[in-house]
């Protein structure tokens, strides 16, 4: 059955708006209403991954419990209904909201989605707790409760960790012994691990994000993924003092999440192989008959050109720091629209030929530069690049 896309989008918006509305009654004044004494506790709450693409690494928030109340501060509020939301998000103007809500609302929201919630109790002194509340109170004030979200460096997970470090006055030494990933790990590696059943989403990330996410990161930097916080902070220390007062505890058990891998015949790799097979067959036929199959080149280079427009926008216009530099511009760029359109214009024959010469050289440079640049890629890129090479070589030869 084909999902009802409008209904799904409507449901997503309702969930997001309900989360925002639940946070509205809680202001920075509510923070100051919680007396700080020996019973006041600060902890982190981590929601398990969901099935939507923005939920695949889970979600994190900060819980503050005192004699005056039990609230949770959330650094992950956003609204699809904001004007030009998609354009601004792609451009990198990812403004997220900060809000506080009753912890019962936060927990019940995730329980209703079948997602688990784990609590990480923190071992803080009353002075440090007071400092945490002051810092959180400041972020909730009007004018401070919107921040420029960064997917890997400033998000719902890194923000509360940073506040804890500011309150303590020292850096948290995380424990990496229980991480599901080992060895030299990059931001892209973490994403791939949690996007295993979403190959098209990862394909899009590998297209859009350049080498800025491919360096080896420290265990501390892995805290960008909320789902890793229990493993990272469970045995973490500050100085010689344990960060947590007890082991992370499960408040809500996640409902069974059935593994539903994308069928192999619907993966980007299989589709790319089909494109390469079609390009190889058409190239063989064109060389045999000494003519170009123009409709195929229009379709192939038209798609490449449109993808190139998106990547060009991300590199030169977007303020996302991880989108530039991106070696894929040597392959996917707006110039690919030249053969897509001009192959039908007789007077533009030399222009098309010139493009294919330049394109062939650019792809050779890409093949040499890619291993040296250290930019991660997607295995589905290889058949698509080979299809590009075949069509340029065919046109030049004919």
Protein backbone atom coordinates (compact mmCIF):
# COMPACT_ATOMS: atom_id res chain seq x y z
CA UNK A 1 0.00 0.00 0.00
CA UNK A 2 1.33 3.45 -0.92
CA UNK A 3 1.48 5.73 2.15
CA UNK A 4 -0.76 8.78 2.18
CA UNK A 5 1.96 11.45 2.06
CA UNK A 6 -0.24 14.45 3.00
CA UNK A 7 -1.63 12.56 5.99
CA UNK A 8 1.87 11.52 7.13
CA UNK A 9 3.16 15.10 6.83
CA UNK A 10 0.09 16.36 8.67
CA UNK A 11 0.75 13.87 11.48
CA UNK A 12 4.40 14.97 11.71
CA UNK A 13 3.40 18.63 11.98
CA UNK A 14 0.83 17.85 14.67
CA UNK A 15 3.42 15.97 16.76
CA UNK A 16 5.90 18.82 16.44
CA UNK A 17 3.33 21.50 17.23
CA UNK A 18 2.07 19.57 20.25
CA UNK A 19 5.63 19.40 21.55
CA UNK A 20 6.01 23.15 21.06
CA UNK A 21 2.66 23.95 22.65
CA UNK A 22 3.56 21.75 25.62
CA UNK A 23 6.67 23.87 26.10
CA UNK A 24 5.01 27.29 25.80
CA UNK A 25 3.62 27.50 29.38
CA UNK A 26 7.07 26.85 30.83
CA UNK A 27 9.20 30.00 30.79
CA UNK A 28 12.46 30.99 32.40
CA UNK A 29 10.38 32.14 35.39
CA UNK A 30 9.50 28.49 36.01
CA UNK A 31 13.19 27.69 36.28
CA UNK A 32 13.67 30.16 39.09
CA UNK A 33 10.69 28.66 40.92
CA UNK A 34 12.62 25.44 41.59
CA UNK A 35 14.47 25.79 44.91
CA UNK A 36 18.01 24.48 44.82
CA UNK A 37 18.78 22.30 47.80
CA UNK A 38 20.33 18.94 48.52
CA UNK A 39 17.35 17.20 46.88
CA UNK A 40 17.52 19.02 43.55
CA UNK A 41 18.67 16.67 40.80
CA UNK A 42 19.87 17.25 37.26
CA UNK A 43 19.92 14.48 34.68
CA UNK A 44 19.89 13.94 30.95
CA UNK A 45 17.03 12.22 29.18
CA UNK A 46 17.73 10.34 25.97
CA UNK A 47 14.94 9.18 23.69
CA UNK A 48 15.67 6.15 21.53
CA UNK A 49 15.71 6.45 17.73
CA UNK A 50 12.45 6.78 15.86
CA UNK A 51 11.46 5.84 12.34
CA UNK A 52 11.53 9.34 10.85
CA UNK A 53 14.75 10.61 9.29
CA UNK A 54 15.16 13.37 11.89
CA UNK A 55 14.80 10.79 14.68
CA UNK A 56 17.40 8.24 13.61
CA UNK A 57 20.03 9.30 16.17
CA UNK A 58 17.48 9.77 18.95
CA UNK A 59 16.89 12.93 20.98
CA UNK A 60 18.31 14.39 24.19
CA UNK A 61 17.06 16.86 26.80
CA UNK A 62 17.87 17.96 30.36
CA UNK A 63 15.70 17.11 33.36
CA UNK A 64 15.68 19.23 36.52
CA UNK A 65 13.78 17.90 39.54
CA UNK A 66 13.30 19.92 42.72
CA UNK A 67 10.77 20.41 45.44
CA UNK A 68 9.16 23.05 43.24
CA UNK A 69 8.63 20.92 40.17
CA UNK A 70 9.90 18.45 37.58
CA UNK A 71 10.70 19.96 34.18
CA UNK A 72 12.61 19.01 31.07
CA UNK A 73 14.46 21.49 28.88
CA UNK A 74 14.48 20.73 25.17
CA UNK A 75 16.89 22.19 22.60
CA UNK A 76 15.23 20.53 19.60
CA UNK A 77 12.06 22.49 18.81
CA UNK A 78 11.32 23.32 15.19
CA UNK A 79 8.21 23.95 13.13
CA UNK A 80 7.60 22.98 9.50
CA UNK A 81 5.07 25.80 9.24
CA UNK A 82 7.70 28.51 9.59
CA UNK A 83 7.88 30.70 6.44
CA UNK A 84 10.22 29.21 3.81
CA UNK A 85 11.20 26.45 6.24
CA UNK A 86 12.63 24.07 3.61
CA UNK A 87 14.59 26.78 1.75
CA UNK A 88 16.01 28.22 4.96
CA UNK A 89 16.93 24.75 6.22
CA UNK A 90 18.78 23.89 2.99
CA UNK A 91 20.50 27.27 3.06
CA UNK A 92 21.73 26.53 6.58
CA UNK A 93 19.51 28.99 8.42
CA UNK A 94 18.46 26.24 10.79
CA UNK A 95 17.02 28.17 13.69
CA UNK A 96 15.85 25.85 16.45
CA UNK A 97 13.88 26.77 19.54
CA UNK A 98 14.56 26.06 23.21
CA UNK A 99 11.68 25.34 25.55
CA UNK A 100 10.81 23.71 28.84
CA UNK A 101 7.93 21.38 29.55
CA UNK A 102 6.74 19.16 32.34
CA UNK A 103 8.79 15.97 32.33
CA UNK A 104 5.64 13.85 32.34
CA UNK A 105 4.66 15.45 29.00
CA UNK A 106 8.10 14.78 27.54
CA UNK A 107 8.13 11.13 28.61
CA UNK A 108 4.52 10.44 27.62
CA UNK A 109 5.13 11.93 24.18
CA UNK A 110 7.90 9.44 23.42
CA UNK A 111 6.13 6.55 25.09
CA UNK A 112 3.16 7.17 22.79
CA UNK A 113 5.51 6.85 19.81
CA UNK A 114 6.88 3.56 21.11
CA UNK A 115 10.26 5.13 21.78
CA UNK A 116 12.22 4.43 24.92
CA UNK A 117 13.52 7.04 27.35
CA UNK A 118 16.75 6.59 29.33
CA UNK A 119 17.80 8.81 32.20
CA UNK A 120 21.42 9.63 33.03
CA UNK A 121 21.56 10.98 36.61
CA UNK A 122 24.36 13.50 37.13
CA UNK A 123 26.60 13.71 40.17
CA UNK A 124 26.56 17.49 40.75
CA UNK A 125 27.01 19.56 43.88
CA UNK A 126 24.27 22.06 44.92
CA UNK A 127 26.52 24.87 43.66
CA UNK A 128 26.89 23.18 40.29
CA UNK A 129 23.15 22.51 40.14
CA UNK A 130 22.52 26.19 40.84
CA UNK A 131 24.89 27.11 38.02
CA UNK A 132 23.11 24.71 35.64
CA UNK A 133 19.77 26.33 36.44
CA UNK A 134 21.21 29.80 35.90
CA UNK A 135 22.62 28.81 32.50
CA UNK A 136 19.41 27.09 31.43
CA UNK A 137 17.37 30.03 32.68
CA UNK A 138 19.45 32.32 30.48
CA UNK A 139 18.87 30.19 27.37
CA UNK A 140 15.11 30.21 27.94
CA UNK A 141 14.84 34.00 28.05
CA UNK A 142 13.18 35.68 25.06
CA UNK A 143 15.88 36.58 22.60
CA UNK A 144 18.09 33.70 23.74
CA UNK A 145 15.66 30.83 23.14
CA UNK A 146 16.46 30.55 19.40
CA UNK A 147 19.83 29.27 18.25
CA UNK A 148 21.50 28.35 14.98
CA UNK A 149 21.35 24.55 14.95
CA UNK A 150 24.33 22.62 13.60
CA UNK A 151 23.73 18.94 12.88
CA UNK A 152 27.06 17.74 14.28
CA UNK A 153 28.46 20.54 16.45
CA UNK A 154 25.57 22.38 18.08
CA UNK A 155 22.38 20.41 18.57
CA UNK A 156 19.96 19.01 21.15
CA UNK A 157 22.69 16.71 22.47
CA UNK A 158 25.79 18.91 22.48
CA UNK A 159 23.97 21.87 24.08
CA UNK A 160 23.10 20.22 27.43
CA UNK A 161 26.54 18.58 27.59
CA UNK A 162 28.13 22.00 27.09
CA UNK A 163 25.98 23.53 29.85
CA UNK A 164 27.05 20.79 32.25
CA UNK A 165 30.71 21.45 31.45
CA UNK A 166 30.24 25.18 31.94
CA UNK A 167 28.55 24.59 35.29
CA UNK A 168 31.32 22.26 36.47
CA UNK A 169 34.10 24.37 34.98
CA UNK A 170 35.85 21.43 33.40
CA UNK A 171 35.70 19.12 30.38
CA UNK A 172 33.89 15.80 30.65
CA UNK A 173 36.14 12.81 29.98
CA UNK A 174 33.80 10.39 28.25
CA UNK A 175 34.05 6.61 28.24
CA UNK A 176 34.33 5.07 24.77
CA UNK A 177 34.66 1.42 25.82
CA UNK A 178 30.96 0.64 25.32
CA UNK A 179 30.46 2.38 21.99
CA UNK A 180 28.97 0.32 19.14
CA UNK A 181 31.59 1.79 16.77
CA UNK A 182 35.33 1.30 17.17
CA UNK A 183 38.49 2.43 15.43
CA UNK A 184 38.89 5.66 13.51
CA UNK A 185 35.39 7.11 13.34
CA UNK A 186 34.12 10.17 11.48
CA UNK A 187 30.81 11.98 11.70
CA UNK A 188 29.83 10.28 8.43
CA UNK A 189 30.61 6.85 9.92
CA UNK A 190 28.23 7.48 12.84
CA UNK A 191 25.52 8.60 10.43
CA UNK A 192 25.96 5.52 8.26
CA UNK A 193 25.68 3.27 11.29
CA UNK A 194 22.31 4.66 12.30
CA UNK A 195 21.03 5.12 8.74
CA UNK A 196 21.54 1.48 7.83
CA UNK A 197 17.89 0.97 6.88
CA UNK A 198 17.62 4.35 5.17
CA UNK A 199 20.08 4.08 2.24
CA UNK A 200 18.45 6.84 0.20
CA UNK A 201 18.73 9.24 3.12
CA UNK A 202 22.41 8.39 3.49
CA UNK A 203 22.84 8.71 -0.27
CA UNK A 204 21.50 12.25 -0.03
CA UNK A 205 23.82 13.06 2.88
CA UNK A 206 26.81 11.70 0.97
CA UNK A 207 25.88 13.92 -1.98
CA UNK A 208 25.25 17.06 0.02
CA UNK A 209 27.97 16.97 2.67
CA UNK A 210 31.62 17.33 1.71
CA UNK A 211 34.85 16.48 3.45
CA UNK A 212 33.99 18.58 6.52
CA UNK A 213 32.44 15.52 8.22
CA UNK A 214 35.16 13.02 7.30
CA UNK A 215 37.94 13.67 9.80
CA UNK A 216 38.52 11.32 12.72
CA UNK A 217 36.50 12.58 15.67
CA UNK A 218 37.14 12.14 19.37
CA UNK A 219 34.75 10.20 21.61
CA UNK A 220 33.70 13.54 23.07
CA UNK A 221 32.63 14.74 19.61
CA UNK A 222 30.51 11.61 19.20
CA UNK A 223 28.14 13.17 21.73
CA UNK A 224 26.49 14.87 18.74
CA UNK A 225 24.45 11.66 18.42
CA UNK A 226 22.01 11.62 21.37
CA UNK A 227 21.63 7.85 21.27
CA UNK A 228 25.32 7.48 22.17
CA UNK A 229 25.09 9.56 25.36
CA UNK A 230 24.29 6.67 27.76
CA UNK A 231 27.38 4.78 26.56
CA UNK A 232 29.59 7.88 26.56
CA UNK A 233 28.50 9.32 29.91
CA UNK A 234 27.71 6.17 31.89
CA UNK A 235 31.28 5.93 33.20
CA UNK A 236 32.45 9.45 32.35
CA UNK A 237 34.50 11.51 34.77
CA UNK A 238 35.30 15.14 35.50
CA UNK A 239 38.74 15.33 37.04
CA UNK A 240 38.77 12.25 39.28
CA UNK A 241 35.08 12.49 40.07
CA UNK A 242 32.41 10.31 38.38
CA UNK A 243 30.02 12.41 36.32
CA UNK A 244 27.02 10.21 37.08
CA UNK A 245 25.57 9.32 40.46
CA UNK A 246 24.37 5.95 39.20
CA UNK A 247 24.18 3.96 35.98
CA UNK A 248 21.78 5.17 33.27
CA UNK A 249 18.28 3.85 33.97
CA UNK A 250 15.48 3.06 31.57
CA UNK A 251 12.33 5.06 32.31
CA UNK A 252 10.39 3.84 29.29
CA UNK A 253 11.18 0.68 27.39
CA UNK A 254 11.24 1.08 23.63
CA UNK A 255 8.66 -0.88 21.71
CA UNK A 256 10.12 -3.52 19.39
CA UNK A 257 11.40 -1.76 16.30
CA UNK A 258 11.15 -4.29 13.49
CA UNK A 259 14.16 -4.24 11.22
CA UNK A 260 12.89 -3.31 7.79
CA UNK A 261 15.88 -2.96 5.50
CA UNK A 262 15.25 -1.47 2.11
CA UNK A 263 14.89 -4.29 -0.46
CA UNK A 264 18.09 -4.69 -2.48
CA UNK A 265 16.24 -3.89 -5.70
CA UNK A 266 15.21 -0.48 -4.31
CA UNK A 267 18.60 0.61 -2.97
CA UNK A 268 20.64 3.43 -4.55
CA UNK A 269 23.33 0.94 -5.54
CA UNK A 270 20.95 -1.27 -7.53
CA UNK A 271 19.36 1.73 -9.25
CA UNK A 272 22.85 3.05 -10.07
CA UNK A 273 23.84 -0.32 -11.55
CA UNK A 274 20.73 -0.24 -13.72
CA UNK A 275 21.72 3.23 -14.96
CA UNK A 276 25.23 1.98 -15.74
CA UNK A 277 23.87 -1.08 -17.56
CA UNK A 278 21.57 1.12 -19.64
CA UNK A 279 24.43 3.51 -20.40
CA UNK A 280 26.69 0.62 -21.42
CA UNK A 281 24.07 -0.89 -23.75
CA UNK A 282 23.18 2.44 -25.34
CA UNK A 283 26.86 3.34 -25.74
CA UNK A 284 27.52 0.00 -27.48
CA UNK A 285 24.57 0.59 -29.80
CA UNK A 286 25.57 4.19 -30.50
CA UNK A 287 29.15 3.22 -31.36
CA UNK A 288 27.87 0.47 -33.62
CA UNK A 289 25.51 2.76 -35.53
CA UNK A 290 27.61 5.93 -35.24
CA UNK A 291 24.84 8.05 -33.74
CA UNK A 292 23.82 9.46 -30.38
CA UNK A 293 20.79 8.41 -28.37
CA UNK A 294 19.76 11.91 -27.52
CA UNK A 295 16.79 11.13 -25.29
CA UNK A 296 18.99 9.08 -22.95
CA UNK A 297 21.64 11.79 -22.69
CA UNK A 298 18.96 14.41 -22.04
CA UNK A 299 17.56 12.32 -19.20
CA UNK A 300 20.96 11.36 -17.72
CA UNK A 301 22.68 14.73 -17.93
CA UNK A 302 19.47 16.53 -17.04
CA UNK A 303 19.33 14.67 -13.72
CA UNK A 304 23.06 15.18 -13.15
CA UNK A 305 22.71 18.88 -13.92
CA UNK A 306 19.80 19.36 -11.52
CA UNK A 307 21.69 17.52 -8.79
CA UNK A 308 24.67 19.72 -9.61
CA UNK A 309 22.54 22.83 -9.11
CA UNK A 310 21.65 21.65 -5.61
CA UNK A 311 25.27 20.87 -4.72
CA UNK A 312 26.44 24.20 -6.16
CA UNK A 313 23.86 25.98 -4.00
CA UNK A 314 25.02 24.08 -0.91
CA UNK A 315 28.70 24.86 -1.58
CA UNK A 316 28.46 28.53 -2.58
CA UNK A 317 25.24 29.81 -1.00
CA UNK A 318 24.41 27.65 1.99
CA UNK A 319 26.05 28.48 5.30
CA UNK A 320 26.16 24.82 6.33
CA UNK A 321 29.85 24.44 7.15
CA UNK A 322 29.92 20.74 6.22
CA UNK A 323 28.77 21.27 2.62
CA UNK A 324 32.05 22.77 1.41
CA UNK A 325 34.45 21.77 0.01
CA UNK A 326 32.74 19.03 -1.96
CA UNK A 327 34.68 17.16 -4.64
CA UNK A 328 31.45 16.00 -6.24
CA UNK A 329 31.29 19.35 -8.03
CA UNK A 330 33.77 17.89 -10.49
CA UNK A 331 31.08 15.39 -11.42
CA UNK A 332 27.75 17.00 -10.57
CA UNK A 333 27.44 20.66 -11.55
CA UNK A 334 25.04 22.85 -13.52
CA UNK A 335 27.18 22.55 -16.67
CA UNK A 336 25.72 19.07 -17.16
CA UNK A 337 22.56 20.80 -18.38
CA UNK A 338 24.49 21.85 -21.51
CA UNK A 339 24.43 18.41 -23.21
CA UNK A 340 20.95 17.74 -21.82
CA UNK A 341 19.54 20.69 -23.76
CA UNK A 342 22.03 21.56 -26.51
CA UNK A 343 22.24 18.03 -27.94
CA UNK A 344 18.97 18.88 -29.73
CA UNK A 345 20.40 22.08 -31.26
CA UNK A 346 22.52 21.56 -34.39
CA UNK A 347 24.37 24.86 -34.03
CA UNK A 348 25.41 23.90 -30.49
CA UNK A 349 27.20 20.72 -31.57
CA UNK A 350 30.67 22.14 -30.86
CA UNK A 351 29.54 23.36 -27.44
CA UNK A 352 28.34 19.86 -26.55
CA UNK A 353 31.59 18.34 -27.79
CA UNK A 354 33.60 20.84 -25.75
CA UNK A 355 31.55 19.95 -22.66
CA UNK A 356 32.24 16.23 -23.05
CA UNK A 357 36.00 16.84 -23.39
CA UNK A 358 36.01 18.99 -20.23
CA UNK A 359 33.74 16.54 -18.42
CA UNK A 360 36.01 13.59 -19.23
CA UNK A 361 39.07 15.44 -17.91
CA UNK A 362 37.17 16.51 -14.78
CA UNK A 363 36.18 12.91 -14.06
CA UNK A 364 39.81 11.80 -14.44
CA UNK A 365 40.84 14.49 -11.95
CA UNK A 366 38.10 13.31 -9.59
CA UNK A 367 39.37 9.73 -9.79
CA UNK A 368 42.88 10.87 -8.81
CA UNK A 369 41.91 13.50 -6.23
CA UNK A 370 39.25 11.56 -4.34
CA UNK A 371 41.56 9.12 -2.49
CA UNK A 372 43.89 12.01 -1.59
CA UNK A 373 41.18 14.39 -0.37
CA UNK A 374 39.78 12.02 2.23
CA UNK A 375 36.16 12.76 1.38
CA UNK A 376 33.78 9.92 2.09
CA UNK A 377 31.49 8.76 -0.65
CA UNK A 378 28.71 6.35 -1.42
CA UNK A 379 29.23 3.08 -3.23
CA UNK A 380 26.36 4.00 -5.54
CA UNK A 381 28.39 6.91 -6.90
CA UNK A 382 30.79 4.62 -8.78
CA UNK A 383 28.30 3.16 -11.32
CA UNK A 384 26.79 6.61 -11.88
CA UNK A 385 30.22 8.15 -12.54
CA UNK A 386 31.12 5.31 -14.91
CA UNK A 387 27.86 5.91 -16.80
CA UNK A 388 28.91 9.55 -17.14
CA UNK A 389 32.32 8.52 -18.48
CA UNK A 390 30.79 6.13 -21.02
CA UNK A 391 28.47 8.76 -22.45
CA UNK A 392 31.19 11.41 -22.75
CA UNK A 393 33.61 8.95 -24.38
CA UNK A 394 30.87 7.79 -26.77
CA UNK A 395 30.06 11.33 -27.87
CA UNK A 396 33.72 12.26 -28.32
CA UNK A 397 34.41 9.11 -30.36
CA UNK A 398 31.37 9.48 -32.60
